[in-house]
Amino acid sequence: MEKQSLKTTNNQPIKMVSYQEVYSLHDLLEQLNSWERTLKLLNEFFSDQKRPFNKKKIANEYYACSQILAIFHKDFHR
């Protein structure tokens, strides 16, 4: 019995996806989903136009949000 291989429209063989690649993608998706609530919070902070103008409070909140975003960025690239 011959093994059939799937081919693309350019007659190139389709690469077989390994279990490790699927598992790695699953881990990445879980990691990104874990940041969903935090990123929504950041979005609300930066899109709120009704916020009263208190420079010290805004600076403190901005710094806190920038730290969260920096941690997300490091985690995402890892």
N, C-alpha and C. Protein backbone atom coordinates (compact mmCIF):
# COMPACT_ATOMS: atom_id res chain seq x y z
N MET A 1 0.82 -1.17 0.00
CA MET A 1 0.00 0.00 0.00
C MET A 1 0.87 1.25 0.00
N GLU A 2 0.61 2.15 -0.91
CA GLU A 2 1.39 3.37 -1.02
C GLU A 2 0.82 4.46 -0.14
N LYS A 3 1.72 5.24 0.43
CA LYS A 3 1.31 6.36 1.26
C LYS A 3 0.97 7.54 0.36
N GLN A 4 -0.21 8.09 0.52
CA GLN A 4 -0.59 9.25 -0.28
C GLN A 4 -0.15 10.51 0.44
N SER A 5 0.35 11.47 -0.31
CA SER A 5 0.70 12.75 0.29
C SER A 5 -0.14 13.83 -0.37
N LEU A 6 -0.55 14.77 0.45
CA LEU A 6 -1.33 15.88 -0.06
C LEU A 6 -0.40 16.89 -0.70
N LYS A 7 -0.90 17.53 -1.74
CA LYS A 7 -0.08 18.51 -2.46
C LYS A 7 -0.85 19.82 -2.59
N THR A 8 -0.09 20.92 -2.66
CA THR A 8 -0.69 22.23 -2.85
C THR A 8 -1.02 22.43 -4.32
N THR A 9 -1.57 23.60 -4.63
CA THR A 9 -1.91 23.88 -6.03
C THR A 9 -0.65 23.97 -6.90
N ASN A 10 0.50 24.26 -6.29
CA ASN A 10 1.77 24.33 -7.03
C ASN A 10 2.47 22.98 -7.06
N ASN A 11 1.76 21.94 -6.68
CA ASN A 11 2.27 20.58 -6.66
C ASN A 11 3.41 20.40 -5.66
N GLN A 12 3.38 21.16 -4.56
CA GLN A 12 4.36 21.04 -3.49
C GLN A 12 3.75 20.19 -2.38
N PRO A 13 4.54 19.35 -1.74
CA PRO A 13 3.99 18.53 -0.65
C PRO A 13 3.65 19.42 0.56
N ILE A 14 2.58 19.08 1.23
CA ILE A 14 2.16 19.81 2.43
C ILE A 14 2.92 19.24 3.62
N LYS A 15 3.49 20.13 4.40
CA LYS A 15 4.29 19.71 5.56
C LYS A 15 3.37 19.12 6.62
N MET A 16 3.81 18.02 7.20
CA MET A 16 3.07 17.40 8.28
C MET A 16 3.31 18.20 9.56
N VAL A 17 2.24 18.50 10.29
CA VAL A 17 2.34 19.27 11.51
C VAL A 17 2.54 18.30 12.67
N SER A 18 3.61 18.54 13.42
CA SER A 18 3.92 17.63 14.52
C SER A 18 3.09 17.96 15.75
N TYR A 19 3.00 17.00 16.65
CA TYR A 19 2.27 17.20 17.90
C TYR A 19 2.90 18.33 18.70
N GLN A 20 4.23 18.42 18.68
CA GLN A 20 4.93 19.47 19.43
C GLN A 20 4.55 20.85 18.91
N GLU A 21 4.40 21.01 17.61
CA GLU A 21 4.00 22.30 17.04
C GLU A 21 2.58 22.67 17.45
N VAL A 22 1.69 21.71 17.46
CA VAL A 22 0.31 21.95 17.88
C VAL A 22 0.28 22.31 19.36
N TYR A 23 1.03 21.59 20.17
CA TYR A 23 1.09 21.84 21.60
C TYR A 23 1.70 23.22 21.88
N SER A 24 2.73 23.59 21.14
CA SER A 24 3.37 24.90 21.28
C SER A 24 2.39 26.03 20.94
N LEU A 25 1.63 25.84 19.89
CA LEU A 25 0.62 26.83 19.50
C LEU A 25 -0.47 26.94 20.57
N HIS A 26 -0.88 25.81 21.13
CA HIS A 26 -1.87 25.81 22.20
C HIS A 26 -1.36 26.60 23.40
N ASP A 27 -0.10 26.38 23.78
CA ASP A 27 0.48 27.13 24.89
C ASP A 27 0.51 28.62 24.61
N LEU A 28 0.86 29.00 23.38
CA LEU A 28 0.91 30.40 23.01
C LEU A 28 -0.48 31.03 23.11
N LEU A 29 -1.50 30.33 22.63
CA LEU A 29 -2.86 30.85 22.70
C LEU A 29 -3.33 31.00 24.14
N GLU A 30 -3.00 30.05 24.99
CA GLU A 30 -3.34 30.17 26.41
C GLU A 30 -2.64 31.36 27.05
N GLN A 31 -1.40 31.56 26.69
CA GLN A 31 -0.63 32.68 27.22
C GLN A 31 -1.25 34.00 26.79
N LEU A 32 -1.63 34.11 25.54
CA LEU A 32 -2.26 35.34 25.05
C LEU A 32 -3.62 35.56 25.68
N ASN A 33 -4.39 34.49 25.85
CA ASN A 33 -5.71 34.61 26.48
C ASN A 33 -5.61 35.06 27.93
N SER A 34 -4.53 34.71 28.60
CA SER A 34 -4.36 35.11 30.00
C SER A 34 -4.19 36.62 30.14
N TRP A 35 -3.81 37.28 29.06
CA TRP A 35 -3.61 38.73 29.10
C TRP A 35 -4.85 39.51 28.67
N GLU A 36 -5.93 38.83 28.31
CA GLU A 36 -7.10 39.49 27.75
C GLU A 36 -7.68 40.55 28.69
N ARG A 37 -7.91 40.20 29.95
CA ARG A 37 -8.51 41.15 30.89
C ARG A 37 -7.59 42.34 31.15
N THR A 38 -6.30 42.08 31.26
CA THR A 38 -5.34 43.15 31.51
C THR A 38 -5.29 44.13 30.35
N LEU A 39 -5.29 43.61 29.14
CA LEU A 39 -5.24 44.48 27.98
C LEU A 39 -6.53 45.27 27.81
N LYS A 40 -7.67 44.69 28.18
CA LYS A 40 -8.92 45.45 28.15
C LYS A 40 -8.87 46.61 29.13
N LEU A 41 -8.30 46.36 30.31
CA LEU A 41 -8.14 47.41 31.32
C LEU A 41 -7.26 48.54 30.78
N LEU A 42 -6.17 48.19 30.14
CA LEU A 42 -5.30 49.20 29.55
C LEU A 42 -6.02 50.00 28.47
N ASN A 43 -6.80 49.32 27.67
CA ASN A 43 -7.56 49.99 26.62
C ASN A 43 -8.56 50.98 27.21
N GLU A 44 -9.24 50.57 28.28
CA GLU A 44 -10.18 51.47 28.94
C GLU A 44 -9.47 52.70 29.50
N PHE A 45 -8.30 52.50 30.08
CA PHE A 45 -7.55 53.61 30.66
C PHE A 45 -7.19 54.64 29.59
N PHE A 46 -6.67 54.17 28.46
CA PHE A 46 -6.21 55.10 27.44
C PHE A 46 -7.34 55.68 26.59
N SER A 47 -8.51 55.08 26.61
CA SER A 47 -9.61 55.60 25.79
C SER A 47 -10.61 56.43 26.59
N ASP A 48 -10.41 56.55 27.90
CA ASP A 48 -11.33 57.31 28.74
C ASP A 48 -11.06 58.81 28.58
N GLN A 49 -11.96 59.51 27.88
CA GLN A 49 -11.79 60.94 27.65
C GLN A 49 -12.46 61.79 28.73
N LYS A 50 -13.28 61.20 29.58
CA LYS A 50 -14.00 61.95 30.61
C LYS A 50 -13.21 62.07 31.90
N ARG A 51 -12.02 61.54 31.94
CA ARG A 51 -11.20 61.53 33.15
C ARG A 51 -10.86 62.97 33.56
N PRO A 52 -11.05 63.31 34.85
CA PRO A 52 -10.67 64.65 35.32
C PRO A 52 -9.16 64.83 35.21
N PHE A 53 -8.76 66.06 35.05
CA PHE A 53 -7.35 66.36 34.81
C PHE A 53 -6.60 66.50 36.13
N ASN A 54 -6.02 65.40 36.59
CA ASN A 54 -5.20 65.37 37.80
C ASN A 54 -3.85 64.77 37.39
N LYS A 55 -2.87 65.64 37.20
CA LYS A 55 -1.59 65.22 36.63
C LYS A 55 -0.92 64.10 37.42
N LYS A 56 -0.91 64.22 38.74
CA LYS A 56 -0.22 63.22 39.55
C LYS A 56 -0.90 61.85 39.44
N LYS A 57 -2.22 61.83 39.51
CA LYS A 57 -2.96 60.57 39.41
C LYS A 57 -2.77 59.95 38.03
N ILE A 58 -2.86 60.78 36.99
CA ILE A 58 -2.68 60.28 35.62
C ILE A 58 -1.28 59.72 35.45
N ALA A 59 -0.27 60.42 35.99
CA ALA A 59 1.11 59.95 35.86
C ALA A 59 1.30 58.61 36.58
N ASN A 60 0.72 58.48 37.77
CA ASN A 60 0.83 57.21 38.51
C ASN A 60 0.14 56.07 37.78
N GLU A 61 -1.07 56.32 37.29
CA GLU A 61 -1.81 55.27 36.56
C GLU A 61 -1.11 54.93 35.24
N TYR A 62 -0.59 55.94 34.57
CA TYR A 62 0.12 55.70 33.31
C TYR A 62 1.36 54.84 33.56
N TYR A 63 2.09 55.15 34.63
CA TYR A 63 3.28 54.37 34.97
C TYR A 63 2.91 52.92 35.27
N ALA A 64 1.84 52.73 36.05
CA ALA A 64 1.40 51.37 36.39
C ALA A 64 1.01 50.61 35.12
N CYS A 65 0.27 51.27 34.25
CA CYS A 65 -0.15 50.61 33.01
C CYS A 65 1.04 50.33 32.10
N SER A 66 2.02 51.23 32.10
CA SER A 66 3.20 50.99 31.26
C SER A 66 4.00 49.79 31.77
N GLN A 67 4.02 49.60 33.09
CA GLN A 67 4.71 48.44 33.66
C GLN A 67 4.00 47.15 33.27
N ILE A 68 2.68 47.17 33.32
CA ILE A 68 1.90 45.99 32.93
C ILE A 68 2.14 45.68 31.46
N LEU A 69 2.12 46.71 30.63
CA LEU A 69 2.33 46.51 29.19
C LEU A 69 3.75 46.00 28.92
N ALA A 70 4.73 46.50 29.64
CA ALA A 70 6.11 46.03 29.46
C ALA A 70 6.23 44.55 29.84
N ILE A 71 5.57 44.15 30.91
CA ILE A 71 5.59 42.74 31.32
C ILE A 71 4.92 41.87 30.26
N PHE A 72 3.79 42.36 29.74
CA PHE A 72 3.11 41.62 28.66
C PHE A 72 4.04 41.47 27.46
N HIS A 73 4.70 42.54 27.10
CA HIS A 73 5.58 42.52 25.93
C HIS A 73 6.72 41.51 26.11
N LYS A 74 7.32 41.50 27.30
CA LYS A 74 8.39 40.53 27.58
C LYS A 74 7.85 39.09 27.52
N ASP A 75 6.68 38.89 28.15
CA ASP A 75 6.05 37.57 28.19
C ASP A 75 5.70 37.10 26.78
N PHE A 76 5.19 38.01 25.97
CA PHE A 76 4.79 37.68 24.61
C PHE A 76 6.01 37.27 23.77
N HIS A 77 7.11 37.99 23.91
CA HIS A 77 8.29 37.65 23.12
C HIS A 77 8.99 36.40 23.61
N ARG A 78 8.81 36.05 24.89
CA ARG A 78 9.40 34.84 25.41
C ARG A 78 8.64 33.65 24.86
